[in-house]
Amino acid sequence: MNKRSYGHGSIDSRSDDTHRLRYRIDGKNFTVTFKGSKLEARKELRKLVRSGDTGEHVPPNRITLSQFFDRWLRHIKPNVAPRTYERYAQIATKNIGPLLGAKLLSKLQPIEISEAYGKALESGRHDGKGLSPRTVHHVHRVLYSALSQAERWKLIARNPAALLEKRDRPKIERKPVTTIDAATTATVFEAARERRLFIPLVLASLCGLRRGEITALRWKSVDLDAGQLAVIASTEQTDAGAIREKEAKSGKTRTIALPSLAVEELRRWRLSQAQELLRLGVRAGDNWHVVTQADGSPLQPRSLTHVVSAFLKEWGVTLHKLRHSHASHMLASNVHPKIVQERLGHSSIAITMDIYSHMMPNMQGEAAAAVDEALRTALSRRVKDKG
C-alpha cells in the first residue's frame, strides 16, 4: 500500500485505480474510497476539502440519491434545453425522489430500482393511482442518464440502472396512432377556412409540420415559386411560460415540397396577412412569422394547441394527429417510407417504421409478390432458352 500526504489530507493507494482518501473538516475525520487514477484521486481530495470551506460537504459514500440529483441537475442545466431541464427536474423531484431519494447513492442496487418501478406502476401518482408505463419508462431513462454521470464522476463503480435486465425495465405498449382520412380532412378544412387556425391546419395536414415548427416558421423559409419550405427552427415553451426559438429537431434543416393546394392557400394567406398588417401601419417582410396573432405578433405554441384542440374536438383529433394523418395519406398512396421519414423529420427510418408499421400491412405481401414475379420470369426465360 502506498500512502502519501498532502496539505489537505492523504491518499492511500490500494492499487492503480483504487484509493482511500482521508481528510479532516470541522474537527472530524473522513475516509472515502475512490475509484480512478491517482491524478483524479488528488482532484477529488481537493474538491472534498474545498466543499468543507463552502459548507456543501457530504462524503461521497454518504450522498443520498436526492442529494446527487441536486448536483446532477445543476451540472446539466447549462447543457440542455430549458424544457428538457424542466422535465428532468420534475421527474427527479416528483417521481424518483419519493421512491429512491433517501437511498445512499453508493449502495443503490438494481433490485431496489426494479422494485421502485413496480411501486410506481402500482401507486406512483400523488392520488395513489399508478403511473403510466410510458411515464415510468421516462423515469428509467432519466435515472439511467444520471447514474451514468455518477459513474463517470467515480461516485459509483457501476451504473445499477444499466444492470437491470430488459424484463425488469418498464415496457411500453405502443398504441396505433389516430388519424383521419382525406375526406374528413377536407371537411375540417372547409369548416376552418375563414379562421386564423386554417393555415396551421394546412401546415400540419399537408406538410407534416410539428406544433413548434409551425409557430417558428417565417416567410423567408417559404419559397412559393419553387413550391417548397425549409424547416430550420422550432419554438419551445416552458411551464413558466418562457418562449425560445431553437434549431429544428435532430439539429437538421429539412426541405419540404409543398402540394399545390398548400401553395395556393399560403399565397392567399400571405396577401391577407400583409393587408391586415398594413391596416396597423406595419409593412410585412420576409422575417415575419407565417402564423401570427391579429396584431402580427408570433403565436405561442400552447395558445395554438388550445385553439386548435377546441376546434378539432368534434372530429376526435389533435394538431399532432393531423401530422400522423399526413403520414397515413402518403403511405396509403404507396409513397416510400424513406420519403415519409424525410418529410416528417424523423432522425431515422426505423422511427417512421415503428410508428406507422400498422398502416403498412400489405408491404410484406407486396414484397413477396415482387420477388415471386421476378423469379418466375427468370425461370420462364431459362425454359425458353433451353427450348
Protein backbone atom coordinates (compact mmCIF):
# COMPACT_ATOMS: atom_id res chain seq x y z
CA MET A 1 0.00 0.00 0.00
CA ASN A 2 1.38 3.41 -1.00
CA LYS A 3 0.41 6.28 1.32
CA ARG A 4 1.15 9.90 0.51
CA SER A 5 0.22 13.01 2.49
CA TYR A 6 -0.92 16.35 1.10
CA GLY A 7 -1.57 19.65 2.82
CA HIS A 8 -5.30 18.98 2.75
CA GLY A 9 -5.28 15.23 3.56
CA SER A 10 -3.74 11.98 2.47
CA ILE A 11 -4.21 9.29 -0.16
CA ASP A 12 -3.65 5.56 0.43
CA SER A 13 -3.30 3.87 -2.94
CA ARG A 14 -4.58 0.29 -2.75
CA SER A 15 -3.97 -0.27 -6.46
CA ASP A 16 -3.57 1.79 -9.63
CA ASP A 17 -7.28 2.60 -9.66
CA THR A 18 -8.40 2.25 -6.02
CA HIS A 19 -7.51 4.88 -3.43
CA ARG A 20 -8.57 5.71 0.12
CA LEU A 21 -8.93 9.44 0.68
CA ARG A 22 -8.50 10.73 4.26
CA TYR A 23 -9.24 14.33 5.24
CA ARG A 24 -10.47 16.46 8.15
CA ILE A 25 -13.29 19.03 8.21
CA ASP A 26 -14.54 20.91 11.28
CA GLY A 27 -12.57 18.65 13.61
CA LYS A 28 -13.99 15.44 12.10
CA ASN A 29 -12.02 12.82 10.18
CA PHE A 30 -13.45 11.33 6.99
CA THR A 31 -12.35 8.36 4.89
CA VAL A 32 -13.63 7.75 1.36
CA THR A 33 -12.82 5.01 -1.15
CA PHE A 34 -12.27 6.43 -4.64
CA LYS A 35 -12.09 4.58 -7.97
CA GLY A 36 -9.95 6.22 -10.64
CA SER A 37 -6.42 7.32 -11.45
CA LYS A 38 -4.03 8.86 -8.90
CA LEU A 39 -4.43 12.27 -10.55
CA GLU A 40 -8.22 12.02 -10.37
CA ALA A 41 -7.95 10.99 -6.72
CA ARG A 42 -5.94 14.15 -5.94
CA LYS A 43 -8.54 16.31 -7.66
CA GLU A 44 -11.34 14.61 -5.73
CA LEU A 45 -9.49 15.11 -2.44
CA ARG A 46 -9.07 18.83 -3.13
CA LYS A 47 -12.76 19.07 -4.07
CA LEU A 48 -13.83 17.37 -0.83
CA VAL A 49 -11.73 19.67 1.32
CA ARG A 50 -12.95 22.72 -0.59
CA SER A 51 -16.57 21.64 -0.02
CA GLY A 52 -15.92 21.97 3.72
CA ASP A 53 -14.99 25.63 3.21
CA THR A 54 -18.23 26.31 1.29
CA GLY A 55 -20.46 24.42 3.69
CA GLU A 56 -21.52 21.92 1.00
CA HIS A 57 -19.60 18.91 2.27
CA VAL A 58 -21.18 15.47 2.05
CA PRO A 59 -18.82 12.45 1.96
CA PRO A 60 -19.31 10.73 -1.44
CA ASN A 61 -20.17 7.40 0.17
CA ARG A 62 -22.87 9.14 2.27
CA ILE A 63 -24.57 11.04 -0.59
CA THR A 64 -28.23 10.14 -0.97
CA LEU A 65 -29.79 9.84 -4.39
CA SER A 66 -31.74 13.08 -3.81
CA GLN A 67 -28.53 14.94 -2.93
CA PHE A 68 -26.82 13.56 -6.00
CA PHE A 69 -29.74 14.59 -8.25
CA ASP A 70 -29.44 18.17 -6.97
CA ARG A 71 -25.81 18.14 -8.09
CA TRP A 72 -26.59 16.41 -11.40
CA LEU A 73 -29.37 18.86 -12.27
CA ARG A 74 -27.02 21.81 -11.66
CA HIS A 75 -24.50 20.12 -13.93
CA ILE A 76 -26.86 19.54 -16.87
CA LYS A 77 -28.82 22.80 -16.68
CA PRO A 78 -26.46 24.82 -18.95
CA ASN A 79 -26.19 21.96 -21.43
CA VAL A 80 -29.82 21.10 -22.22
CA ALA A 81 -32.87 22.98 -23.48
CA PRO A 82 -34.93 24.71 -20.74
CA ARG A 83 -37.93 22.47 -21.42
CA THR A 84 -35.74 19.36 -21.19
CA TYR A 85 -34.25 20.53 -17.89
CA GLU A 86 -37.73 21.27 -16.58
CA ARG A 87 -38.87 17.75 -17.44
CA TYR A 88 -35.80 16.13 -15.83
CA ALA A 89 -36.26 18.19 -12.66
CA GLN A 90 -39.94 17.21 -12.43
CA ILE A 91 -39.13 13.51 -12.78
CA ALA A 92 -36.31 13.75 -10.23
CA THR A 93 -38.38 15.52 -7.58
CA LYS A 94 -41.87 14.11 -8.15
CA ASN A 95 -41.15 10.55 -9.25
CA ILE A 96 -37.64 9.40 -8.31
CA GLY A 97 -37.31 11.34 -5.03
CA PRO A 98 -40.28 9.77 -3.18
CA LEU A 99 -39.29 6.25 -4.29
CA LEU A 100 -35.50 6.22 -4.05
CA GLY A 101 -34.34 9.64 -2.84
CA ALA A 102 -33.34 8.51 0.66
CA LYS A 103 -31.18 5.65 -0.63
CA LEU A 104 -27.41 6.06 -0.45
CA LEU A 105 -26.03 6.52 -3.97
CA SER A 106 -23.10 4.18 -3.30
CA LYS A 107 -25.41 1.42 -2.00
CA LEU A 108 -28.18 1.57 -4.60
CA GLN A 109 -28.91 -1.88 -6.05
CA PRO A 110 -30.66 -2.96 -9.28
CA ILE A 111 -33.30 -4.86 -7.30
CA GLU A 112 -34.24 -1.66 -5.43
CA ILE A 113 -34.67 0.18 -8.73
CA SER A 114 -36.80 -2.65 -10.15
CA GLU A 115 -38.99 -2.66 -7.02
CA ALA A 116 -39.36 1.13 -7.26
CA TYR A 117 -40.60 0.83 -10.85
CA GLY A 118 -43.16 -1.75 -9.76
CA LYS A 119 -44.36 0.52 -6.96
CA ALA A 120 -44.57 3.48 -9.37
CA LEU A 121 -46.76 1.46 -11.74
CA GLU A 122 -48.99 0.45 -8.85
CA SER A 123 -49.28 3.68 -6.82
CA GLY A 124 -46.77 6.25 -8.07
CA ARG A 125 -49.16 9.17 -8.52
CA HIS A 126 -49.93 11.72 -5.80
CA ASP A 127 -53.52 10.46 -5.68
CA GLY A 128 -52.37 6.90 -5.04
CA LYS A 129 -53.04 5.63 -8.55
CA GLY A 130 -50.30 4.11 -10.69
CA LEU A 131 -48.13 5.96 -13.18
CA SER A 132 -48.44 5.01 -16.84
CA PRO A 133 -45.81 2.62 -18.28
CA ARG A 134 -44.65 5.47 -20.53
CA THR A 135 -44.02 7.77 -17.55
CA VAL A 136 -42.12 5.03 -15.70
CA HIS A 137 -40.12 4.47 -18.89
CA HIS A 138 -39.16 8.18 -18.81
CA VAL A 139 -38.20 7.75 -15.13
CA HIS A 140 -35.87 4.90 -16.12
CA ARG A 141 -34.25 6.96 -18.87
CA VAL A 142 -33.57 9.90 -16.53
CA LEU A 143 -32.28 7.66 -13.73
CA TYR A 144 -30.06 5.77 -16.18
CA SER A 145 -28.62 9.03 -17.53
CA ALA A 146 -27.98 10.49 -14.08
CA LEU A 147 -26.33 7.34 -12.73
CA SER A 148 -24.15 7.14 -15.84
CA GLN A 149 -22.83 10.58 -14.89
CA ALA A 150 -22.26 9.36 -11.31
CA GLU A 151 -20.19 6.53 -12.77
CA ARG A 152 -18.15 8.96 -14.86
CA TRP A 153 -17.60 11.10 -11.76
CA LYS A 154 -16.29 7.98 -9.97
CA LEU A 155 -19.00 8.24 -7.31
CA ILE A 156 -20.12 4.67 -8.06
CA ALA A 157 -18.27 1.74 -9.59
CA ARG A 158 -21.09 0.78 -11.97
CA ASN A 159 -24.46 2.14 -13.03
CA PRO A 160 -27.06 -0.06 -11.25
CA ALA A 161 -29.79 1.02 -13.70
CA ALA A 162 -27.69 -0.42 -16.53
CA LEU A 163 -27.58 -3.80 -14.75
CA LEU A 164 -31.34 -4.28 -14.97
CA GLU A 165 -32.36 -6.94 -17.44
CA LYS A 166 -34.85 -5.91 -20.11
CA ARG A 167 -37.67 -7.81 -18.43
CA ASP A 168 -37.13 -5.71 -15.27
CA ARG A 169 -37.43 -2.40 -17.11
CA PRO A 170 -40.70 -0.55 -17.82
CA LYS A 171 -42.37 -1.77 -21.00
CA ILE A 172 -44.49 0.40 -23.25
CA GLU A 173 -47.24 -0.91 -25.46
CA ARG A 174 -47.26 1.30 -28.50
CA LYS A 175 -50.83 2.15 -29.42
CA PRO A 176 -51.70 2.69 -33.08
CA VAL A 177 -51.72 6.40 -33.88
CA THR A 178 -55.09 8.02 -34.52
CA THR A 179 -55.61 9.60 -37.93
CA ILE A 180 -58.40 10.93 -40.13
CA ASP A 181 -58.92 10.12 -43.78
CA ALA A 182 -58.70 12.53 -46.70
CA ALA A 183 -62.47 13.06 -46.82
CA THR A 184 -62.60 14.07 -43.14
CA THR A 185 -59.55 16.29 -43.59
CA ALA A 186 -61.40 18.09 -46.41
CA THR A 187 -64.38 18.58 -44.08
CA VAL A 188 -62.09 20.06 -41.41
CA PHE A 189 -60.53 22.41 -43.99
CA GLU A 190 -63.91 23.70 -45.12
CA ALA A 191 -65.02 24.34 -41.53
CA ALA A 192 -61.76 26.17 -40.71
CA ARG A 193 -61.20 28.13 -43.91
CA GLU A 194 -62.27 31.53 -42.55
CA ARG A 195 -60.48 31.11 -39.20
CA ARG A 196 -56.94 32.09 -38.23
CA LEU A 197 -56.17 28.47 -37.40
CA PHE A 198 -56.66 27.40 -41.02
CA ILE A 199 -53.00 27.82 -42.05
CA PRO A 200 -51.68 25.80 -39.07
CA LEU A 201 -54.05 23.02 -40.11
CA VAL A 202 -52.73 23.21 -43.67
CA LEU A 203 -49.11 23.04 -42.49
CA ALA A 204 -49.80 20.04 -40.25
CA SER A 205 -52.05 18.13 -42.69
CA LEU A 206 -50.28 18.80 -45.98
CA CYS A 207 -46.68 19.23 -44.82
CA GLY A 208 -46.43 17.22 -41.60
CA LEU A 209 -45.03 20.07 -39.50
CA ARG A 210 -44.87 19.81 -35.71
CA ARG A 211 -46.50 22.42 -33.48
CA GLY A 212 -43.23 24.21 -32.64
CA GLU A 213 -42.18 24.16 -36.30
CA ILE A 214 -45.45 25.82 -37.31
CA THR A 215 -45.10 28.65 -34.77
CA ALA A 216 -41.42 29.20 -35.69
CA LEU A 217 -41.91 29.23 -39.48
CA ARG A 218 -41.07 32.57 -41.17
CA TRP A 219 -41.81 33.69 -44.71
CA LYS A 220 -38.08 33.80 -45.55
CA SER A 221 -38.12 29.99 -45.27
CA VAL A 222 -41.05 29.64 -47.69
CA ASP A 223 -40.43 29.71 -51.46
CA LEU A 224 -43.86 29.68 -53.07
CA ASP A 225 -42.46 29.98 -56.60
CA ALA A 226 -40.34 26.87 -56.11
CA GLY A 227 -43.13 25.21 -54.14
CA GLN A 228 -41.13 24.36 -51.05
CA LEU A 229 -40.38 25.43 -47.48
CA ALA A 230 -37.42 24.85 -45.17
CA VAL A 231 -37.87 23.79 -41.56
CA ILE A 232 -34.92 25.42 -39.79
CA ALA A 233 -36.26 26.16 -36.31
CA SER A 234 -38.81 25.22 -33.68
CA THR A 235 -40.42 27.22 -30.87
CA GLU A 236 -40.20 25.87 -27.33
CA GLN A 237 -42.30 26.95 -24.34
CA THR A 238 -41.54 26.05 -20.70
CA ASP A 239 -44.02 25.57 -17.86
CA ALA A 240 -43.06 29.05 -16.64
CA GLY A 241 -44.23 30.46 -19.99
CA ALA A 242 -40.80 31.37 -21.35
CA ILE A 243 -40.54 31.17 -25.16
CA ARG A 244 -37.39 30.48 -27.13
CA GLU A 245 -36.60 29.54 -30.68
CA LYS A 246 -34.22 26.63 -31.14
CA GLU A 247 -32.83 24.70 -34.07
CA ALA A 248 -35.01 22.09 -35.73
CA LYS A 249 -35.35 18.69 -34.10
CA SER A 250 -32.28 16.46 -34.55
CA GLY A 251 -30.36 19.64 -35.41
CA LYS A 252 -31.05 19.27 -39.14
CA THR A 253 -32.78 21.60 -41.57
CA ARG A 254 -35.21 19.79 -43.84
CA THR A 255 -36.78 20.93 -47.09
CA ILE A 256 -40.41 20.02 -47.76
CA ALA A 257 -42.05 20.08 -51.18
CA LEU A 258 -45.39 21.85 -50.98
CA PRO A 259 -48.54 20.34 -52.50
CA SER A 260 -50.16 22.78 -54.94
CA LEU A 261 -53.10 23.18 -52.54
CA ALA A 262 -50.71 24.34 -49.81
CA VAL A 263 -49.05 26.80 -52.22
CA GLU A 264 -52.45 28.27 -53.14
CA GLU A 265 -53.55 28.66 -49.53
CA LEU A 266 -50.23 30.15 -48.42
CA ARG A 267 -50.32 32.69 -51.29
CA ARG A 268 -53.82 33.69 -50.29
CA TRP A 269 -52.85 33.98 -46.62
CA ARG A 270 -49.69 35.99 -47.30
CA LEU A 271 -51.70 38.62 -49.16
CA SER A 272 -54.36 38.66 -46.44
CA GLN A 273 -51.75 38.94 -43.69
CA ALA A 274 -49.95 41.79 -45.49
CA GLN A 275 -53.22 43.73 -45.81
CA GLU A 276 -54.01 43.07 -42.16
CA LEU A 277 -50.62 44.41 -41.04
CA LEU A 278 -50.84 47.39 -43.38
CA ARG A 279 -54.03 48.46 -41.62
CA LEU A 280 -51.95 48.51 -38.43
CA GLY A 281 -49.33 50.66 -40.12
CA VAL A 282 -46.85 47.82 -40.47
CA ARG A 283 -45.19 46.64 -43.68
CA ALA A 284 -44.84 42.85 -43.80
CA GLY A 285 -41.46 41.37 -44.67
CA ASP A 286 -39.77 38.01 -45.12
CA ASN A 287 -38.78 37.89 -41.45
CA TRP A 288 -42.41 37.86 -40.29
CA HIS A 289 -43.82 34.63 -38.93
CA VAL A 290 -46.23 32.82 -41.20
CA VAL A 291 -48.64 32.15 -38.32
CA THR A 292 -49.37 35.25 -36.24
CA GLN A 293 -51.92 36.81 -33.98
CA ALA A 294 -54.15 39.61 -35.29
CA ASP A 295 -51.59 42.25 -34.24
CA GLY A 296 -48.80 40.48 -36.11
CA SER A 297 -47.08 39.06 -33.02
CA PRO A 298 -45.96 35.40 -33.06
CA LEU A 299 -48.34 32.78 -31.74
CA GLN A 300 -47.26 30.83 -28.67
CA PRO A 301 -47.17 27.01 -29.06
CA ARG A 302 -49.61 26.39 -26.20
CA SER A 303 -52.01 29.01 -27.48
CA LEU A 304 -52.01 27.25 -30.84
CA THR A 305 -52.69 23.90 -29.16
CA HIS A 306 -55.53 25.37 -27.09
CA VAL A 307 -57.29 26.96 -30.06
CA VAL A 308 -56.81 24.06 -32.46
CA SER A 309 -57.74 21.37 -29.91
CA ALA A 310 -61.04 23.09 -29.10
CA PHE A 311 -61.85 23.32 -32.82
CA LEU A 312 -60.82 19.73 -33.69
CA LYS A 313 -62.60 18.14 -30.72
CA GLU A 314 -65.61 17.44 -32.92
CA TRP A 315 -63.52 15.10 -35.11
CA GLY A 316 -61.62 13.48 -32.22
CA VAL A 317 -58.18 14.57 -33.41
CA THR A 318 -55.42 16.97 -32.37
CA LEU A 319 -52.94 19.09 -34.28
CA HIS A 320 -50.28 16.40 -33.88
CA LYS A 321 -52.69 13.74 -35.14
CA LEU A 322 -53.06 15.75 -38.34
CA ARG A 323 -49.31 15.23 -38.77
CA HIS A 324 -49.91 11.49 -38.35
CA SER A 325 -52.73 11.75 -40.89
CA HIS A 326 -50.29 13.33 -43.36
CA ALA A 327 -48.07 10.27 -42.99
CA SER A 328 -51.00 7.86 -43.33
CA HIS A 329 -52.21 9.56 -46.54
CA MET A 330 -48.75 9.18 -48.07
CA LEU A 331 -48.37 5.54 -47.06
CA ALA A 332 -51.87 4.75 -48.36
CA SER A 333 -50.73 6.17 -51.70
CA ASN A 334 -47.67 3.86 -51.69
CA VAL A 335 -45.17 6.66 -51.04
CA HIS A 336 -41.88 5.07 -49.92
CA PRO A 337 -41.38 5.19 -46.11
CA LYS A 338 -37.99 6.91 -46.67
CA ILE A 339 -39.80 9.89 -48.20
CA VAL A 340 -42.27 9.89 -45.31
CA GLN A 341 -39.33 9.93 -42.87
CA GLU A 342 -37.73 12.90 -44.65
CA ARG A 343 -40.94 14.94 -44.72
CA LEU A 344 -41.69 14.29 -41.05
CA GLY A 345 -38.12 14.96 -39.92
CA HIS A 346 -37.58 11.66 -38.10
CA SER A 347 -33.91 11.02 -37.29
CA SER A 348 -34.09 7.52 -38.80
CA ILE A 349 -36.40 5.44 -40.96
CA ALA A 350 -36.63 2.95 -38.08
CA ILE A 351 -38.65 5.51 -36.09
CA THR A 352 -41.03 6.01 -39.01
CA MET A 353 -41.49 2.27 -39.49
CA ASP A 354 -42.02 1.75 -35.76
CA ILE A 355 -44.77 4.39 -35.57
CA TYR A 356 -46.58 3.59 -38.81
CA SER A 357 -45.91 -0.12 -39.40
CA HIS A 358 -49.56 -0.96 -38.65
CA MET A 359 -50.51 1.23 -41.62
CA MET A 360 -48.42 -0.88 -43.99
CA PRO A 361 -49.95 -4.37 -43.64
CA ASN A 362 -49.53 -5.11 -47.33
CA MET A 363 -45.81 -4.32 -47.57
CA GLN A 364 -44.74 -7.92 -46.79
CA GLY A 365 -47.26 -9.30 -49.27
CA GLU A 366 -46.20 -6.84 -51.96
CA ALA A 367 -42.52 -7.68 -51.36
CA ALA A 368 -43.22 -11.41 -51.58
CA ALA A 369 -45.24 -10.92 -54.78
CA ALA A 370 -42.45 -8.85 -56.36
CA VAL A 371 -39.81 -11.50 -55.56
CA ASP A 372 -42.14 -14.23 -56.82
CA GLU A 373 -42.78 -12.44 -60.10
CA ALA A 374 -39.08 -11.71 -60.69
CA LEU A 375 -38.06 -15.32 -60.05
CA ARG A 376 -40.90 -16.79 -62.13
CA THR A 377 -39.92 -14.52 -65.03
CA ALA A 378 -36.28 -15.63 -64.76
CA LEU A 379 -37.25 -19.31 -64.62
CA SER A 380 -39.58 -18.93 -67.59
CA ARG A 381 -36.75 -17.34 -69.60
CA ARG A 382 -34.43 -20.24 -68.83
CA VAL A 383 -37.04 -22.75 -70.01
CA LYS A 384 -37.47 -20.84 -73.28
CA ASP A 385 -33.70 -20.59 -73.80
CA LYS A 386 -33.33 -24.36 -73.35
CA GLY A 387 -36.21 -24.99 -75.74
